[in-house]
Protein backbone atom coordinates (compact mmCIF):
# COMPACT_ATOMS: atom_id res chain seq x y z
CA MET A 1 87.76 101.14 81.48
CA ASP A 2 88.91 100.03 78.03
CA ASP A 3 89.01 96.41 79.13
CA PRO A 4 86.59 95.56 81.95
CA SER A 5 87.98 92.01 82.12
CA LEU A 6 91.04 93.41 83.90
CA LEU A 7 88.83 93.76 86.95
CA SER A 8 86.70 90.68 86.40
CA ASP A 9 85.63 88.41 89.22
CA ALA A 10 88.16 85.88 87.94
CA ALA A 11 90.93 88.47 88.24
CA MET A 12 89.88 89.21 91.80
CA ARG A 13 89.90 85.50 92.67
CA ALA A 14 93.39 85.29 91.21
CA PHE A 15 94.45 88.22 93.40
CA VAL A 16 93.14 86.46 96.51
CA ARG A 17 94.96 83.28 95.51
CA ASP A 18 98.24 84.68 94.12
CA GLY A 19 98.56 87.97 95.95
CA PHE A 20 98.84 90.34 93.00
CA VAL A 21 97.25 91.48 89.76
CA ARG A 22 99.02 93.03 86.77
CA ILE A 23 97.33 95.96 85.03
CA ASP A 24 98.66 96.81 81.60
CA ASP A 25 98.28 100.39 80.34
CA ALA A 26 97.39 101.51 83.85
CA PHE A 27 98.72 104.96 82.94
CA PRO A 28 99.84 106.42 79.60
CA ARG A 29 103.37 105.93 78.31
CA ALA A 30 103.55 109.68 77.71
CA LEU A 31 103.27 110.25 81.47
CA ALA A 32 106.04 107.71 82.07
CA ASP A 33 108.28 109.51 79.59
CA GLU A 34 107.60 112.89 81.18
CA ALA A 35 108.19 111.57 84.69
CA ARG A 36 111.36 109.72 83.70
CA ALA A 37 112.92 112.94 82.42
CA LEU A 38 112.48 114.46 85.89
CA LEU A 39 113.89 111.35 87.56
CA TRP A 40 116.98 111.28 85.34
CA ARG A 41 117.79 114.84 86.44
CA ASP A 42 117.72 113.85 90.10
CA THR A 43 119.83 110.71 89.74
CA GLY A 44 122.89 112.86 89.11
CA CYS A 45 123.61 110.65 86.10
CA ASP A 46 123.72 111.50 82.40
CA PRO A 47 121.39 109.36 80.27
CA ASN A 48 123.86 109.73 77.39
CA ASP A 49 127.02 108.90 79.34
CA ARG A 50 127.18 105.35 80.69
CA ALA A 51 130.33 106.21 82.61
CA THR A 52 128.09 108.09 85.05
CA TRP A 53 126.00 104.97 85.71
CA ASN A 54 128.41 103.90 88.43
CA ARG A 55 126.05 102.75 91.19
CA PRO A 56 123.74 99.72 91.26
CA VAL A 57 120.83 101.72 92.63
CA VAL A 58 119.92 105.37 93.25
CA ARG A 59 116.95 105.98 95.56
CA LEU A 60 114.72 108.96 94.90
CA HIS A 61 111.80 110.01 97.08
CA GLU A 62 108.27 111.43 96.98
CA TYR A 63 107.51 113.09 93.66
CA THR A 64 104.48 115.37 93.64
CA GLN A 65 104.76 116.86 90.14
CA PRO A 66 101.72 116.55 87.85
CA PRO A 67 102.86 113.52 85.79
CA PHE A 68 103.38 111.45 88.94
CA VAL A 69 100.05 112.40 90.49
CA ALA A 70 98.27 111.77 87.19
CA ALA A 71 99.90 108.35 86.81
CA ALA A 72 98.65 107.33 90.26
CA SER A 73 95.06 108.45 89.70
CA THR A 74 93.89 107.20 86.31
CA PRO A 75 90.32 105.92 86.01
CA ARG A 76 91.67 102.41 85.45
CA LEU A 77 93.63 102.46 88.70
CA ARG A 78 90.85 104.08 90.73
CA ALA A 79 88.48 101.35 89.57
CA ALA A 80 91.04 98.71 90.53
CA PHE A 81 91.48 100.23 94.00
CA ASP A 82 87.72 100.14 94.50
CA ARG A 83 87.58 96.48 93.52
CA LEU A 84 90.56 95.34 95.58
CA VAL A 85 90.25 97.51 98.70
CA GLY A 86 86.64 98.69 98.58
CA ALA A 87 85.01 101.90 97.39
CA GLY A 88 85.62 104.65 99.93
CA ARG A 89 88.16 102.58 101.86
CA TRP A 90 91.39 103.99 100.37
CA LEU A 91 93.08 107.39 100.17
CA PRO A 92 94.07 109.01 96.85
CA ARG A 93 97.80 109.46 96.41
CA GLY A 94 99.18 112.98 96.07
CA SER A 95 102.64 111.67 95.24
CA LEU A 96 104.54 108.54 94.35
CA GLY A 97 106.89 107.10 96.94
CA THR A 98 110.40 105.74 96.68
CA PHE A 99 111.94 105.19 93.24
CA PRO A 100 114.80 102.68 93.43
CA VAL A 101 116.38 103.44 90.04
CA ARG A 102 118.47 100.39 89.10
CA PHE A 103 121.42 100.61 86.73
CA PRO A 104 122.87 97.80 84.61
CA GLY A 105 126.25 96.18 84.90
CA THR A 106 127.20 97.56 88.30
CA GLY A 107 127.13 94.41 90.45
CA ASP A 108 125.20 93.34 93.52
CA PRO A 109 122.76 96.07 94.61
CA GLY A 110 123.06 95.02 98.25
CA ASP A 111 119.31 95.23 98.87
CA ALA A 112 118.02 92.06 97.21
CA GLY A 113 116.76 90.19 100.28
CA TRP A 114 113.25 88.73 100.46
CA HIS A 115 110.97 90.87 102.60
CA VAL A 116 107.50 92.30 103.28
CA ASP A 117 107.20 96.09 103.41
CA ALA A 118 106.49 97.35 106.91
CA SER A 119 103.64 99.79 107.39
CA PHE A 120 103.59 101.42 110.83
CA ALA A 121 106.21 102.80 113.20
CA GLY A 122 107.66 100.90 116.10
CA ALA A 123 109.20 102.33 119.26
CA GLU A 124 111.66 104.44 117.26
CA PRO A 125 109.98 106.08 114.24
CA SER A 126 113.32 106.89 112.59
CA ASP A 127 114.33 103.21 112.52
CA TYR A 128 112.85 101.69 109.34
CA PHE A 129 113.94 98.16 110.28
CA GLY A 130 111.91 98.58 113.47
CA TYR A 131 108.74 99.40 111.53
CA ARG A 132 106.02 96.82 111.96
CA ILE A 133 103.42 94.73 110.14
CA ASN A 134 100.33 93.19 111.72
CA VAL A 135 97.64 90.80 110.54
CA ARG A 136 95.24 93.67 109.80
CA SER A 137 97.91 95.40 107.69
CA GLN A 138 97.74 98.59 109.74
CA GLY A 139 98.73 101.55 107.57
CA ARG A 140 98.82 99.81 104.19
CA ALA A 141 96.04 98.65 101.87
CA LEU A 142 98.21 97.61 98.90
CA LEU A 143 101.82 97.39 97.78
CA MET A 144 102.06 98.92 94.31
CA LEU A 145 104.76 98.63 91.64
CA PHE A 146 104.58 101.36 88.97
CA LEU A 147 106.79 100.75 85.92
CA PHE A 148 108.08 104.02 84.46
CA SER A 149 110.36 102.26 81.98
CA ASP A 150 110.06 99.08 79.93
CA VAL A 151 111.13 96.17 82.13
CA SER A 152 112.18 92.80 80.73
CA GLU A 153 113.41 89.75 82.64
CA ASP A 154 116.96 91.17 82.42
CA ASP A 155 116.07 94.65 83.70
CA ALA A 156 116.00 93.90 87.44
CA PRO A 157 112.26 93.22 87.70
CA THR A 158 110.97 92.83 91.23
CA ARG A 159 110.66 89.15 92.17
CA ILE A 160 107.34 88.12 93.74
CA ARG A 161 106.72 84.91 95.66
CA VAL A 162 103.31 83.87 94.36
CA GLY A 163 100.86 83.06 97.15
CA SER A 164 103.32 84.06 99.89
CA HIS A 165 100.79 86.48 101.39
CA GLN A 166 98.85 83.53 102.77
CA THR A 167 101.84 82.18 104.70
CA VAL A 168 102.67 85.67 105.98
CA ALA A 169 99.11 86.13 107.27
CA ARG A 170 99.48 82.92 109.29
CA ILE A 171 102.85 84.07 110.66
CA LEU A 172 101.42 87.44 111.71
CA ALA A 173 98.15 86.26 113.25
CA PRO A 174 99.58 85.07 116.61
CA ALA A 175 101.38 88.42 117.04
CA GLY A 176 98.08 90.31 117.25
CA ALA A 177 97.84 94.08 117.00
CA PRO A 178 101.53 94.79 117.80
CA GLY A 179 102.56 92.54 114.94
CA LEU A 180 106.19 91.87 114.05
CA SER A 181 109.00 94.21 113.09
CA PHE A 182 110.39 94.26 109.57
CA MET A 183 113.41 92.23 110.67
CA GLU A 184 111.44 89.80 112.84
CA LEU A 185 109.20 88.93 109.92
CA ALA A 186 112.08 88.82 107.44
CA SER A 187 113.80 86.21 109.60
CA ARG A 188 110.79 83.90 109.19
CA LEU A 189 110.22 84.20 105.46
CA ASP A 190 112.12 81.01 104.67
CA ALA A 191 108.66 79.47 105.13
CA THR A 192 107.76 80.94 101.71
CA ARG A 193 110.81 79.62 99.83
CA GLU A 194 108.79 76.99 97.93
CA CYS A 195 106.43 79.57 96.42
CA PRO A 196 106.65 80.01 92.64
CA ILE A 197 108.38 83.19 91.46
CA ALA A 198 106.73 85.82 89.27
CA LEU A 199 108.65 88.74 87.76
CA ALA A 200 107.20 92.26 87.63
CA THR A 201 107.93 92.83 83.95
CA GLY A 202 106.01 94.93 81.45
CA ALA A 203 105.93 98.05 79.35
CA ALA A 204 106.13 101.51 80.85
CA GLY A 205 102.66 102.26 82.22
CA THR A 206 102.20 98.79 83.73
CA VAL A 207 101.24 98.60 87.41
CA TYR A 208 101.30 95.59 89.73
CA LEU A 209 98.83 95.84 92.59
CA CYS A 210 99.97 93.49 95.33
CA HIS A 211 98.55 92.28 98.61
CA PRO A 212 100.42 94.08 101.41
CA PHE A 213 101.74 90.73 102.72
CA VAL A 214 103.36 89.62 99.45
CA VAL A 215 106.99 88.57 99.86
CA HIS A 216 109.17 90.21 97.23
CA ALA A 217 112.77 91.10 96.46
CA ALA A 218 114.97 93.17 94.19
CA GLN A 219 117.70 91.63 92.02
CA SER A 220 120.78 92.56 90.01
CA HIS A 221 120.33 94.35 86.68
CA ARG A 222 121.57 92.26 83.72
CA GLY A 223 120.06 94.42 80.96
CA SER A 224 121.27 97.49 79.14
CA GLU A 225 119.01 100.38 80.23
CA PRO A 226 118.18 101.69 83.73
CA ARG A 227 114.96 100.55 85.32
CA PHE A 228 112.63 103.22 86.70
CA MET A 229 109.95 101.97 89.08
CA ALA A 230 107.97 103.47 91.96
CA GLN A 231 106.83 101.33 94.89
CA PRO A 232 104.32 103.40 96.88
CA PRO A 233 101.73 102.00 99.25
CA LEU A 234 98.04 102.59 98.80
CA LEU A 235 96.96 103.94 102.18
CA PRO A 236 93.71 102.84 103.80
CA ARG A 237 91.01 105.35 104.67
CA GLU A 238 89.82 102.97 107.36
CA PRO A 239 91.39 99.90 108.98
CA LEU A 240 91.01 96.51 107.37
CA HIS A 241 88.31 94.41 109.00
CA LEU A 242 88.47 90.64 109.26
CA GLU A 243 85.02 90.40 110.88
CA ARG A 244 82.32 92.31 109.02
CA ALA A 245 78.70 91.91 110.01
CA ASP A 246 77.58 92.41 106.41
CA GLY A 247 80.21 90.07 104.98
CA ALA A 248 81.32 92.75 102.48
CA TYR A 249 84.98 91.79 102.54
CA SER A 250 87.39 93.29 100.05
CA PRO A 251 89.71 90.88 98.20
CA VAL A 252 92.55 92.12 100.41
CA GLU A 253 90.59 91.17 103.52
CA GLN A 254 89.27 87.95 102.03
CA ALA A 255 92.79 86.75 101.24
CA ILE A 256 93.72 87.11 104.91
CA ARG A 257 90.53 85.39 106.05
CA ASP A 258 91.15 82.50 103.64
CA ALA A 259 94.70 82.10 104.89
CA LEU A 260 93.45 81.92 108.48
CA GLY A 261 90.64 79.52 107.62
CA GLN A 262 87.89 81.99 108.50
């Protein structure tokens, strides 16, 4: 690590309290540039012809080429995963998940509602809105936001409700192992409306590592250049535990325990 303070105890306490940590220079800008060239090709748009930028958002999926895998597995990020989730408790990524590429000046994207990403299938696996979330965050150790382009406040940065993960933990707890569906939980997120808002801005190569219960939302693009960002989960190698005999709770687990008063 070039800057060990990024993973200091104070940073981990801030993660437990706020629900996210920002890591600058998490992967090299050169990797972002290389990856972005591949993404541009698949958008069907011409980077030199703004007339082709005629949709608010283009969604691209699961990139396994070397620059994407390398970006997700730098020493800085692996160290952060160990600190936040626990050494040996997470699975390395062999790809990066969905890229919602957002274009400027094309109006309401239609997907800017506040939500928590669901993590395991419900009764109908093909129905994303039926996917579920439970208090042990089955199937997801972290929500991650990888910036593959420079993102300012005008470039449709993801909005994060600071500290919202605590309220979500308390909403989920009574639902037990079955948890709530994506839509059931979304309908109750007005309880987090008073949370302060943070914006996921930064230079290409910045990564936000977020608690899986963080409430977040997209927004319209008011800038001048498309925003390229990946939002993959970090998958757990083992389930989260809220009762450990040795007390060796990860910050992800500790945040849930704190919210529940354990």
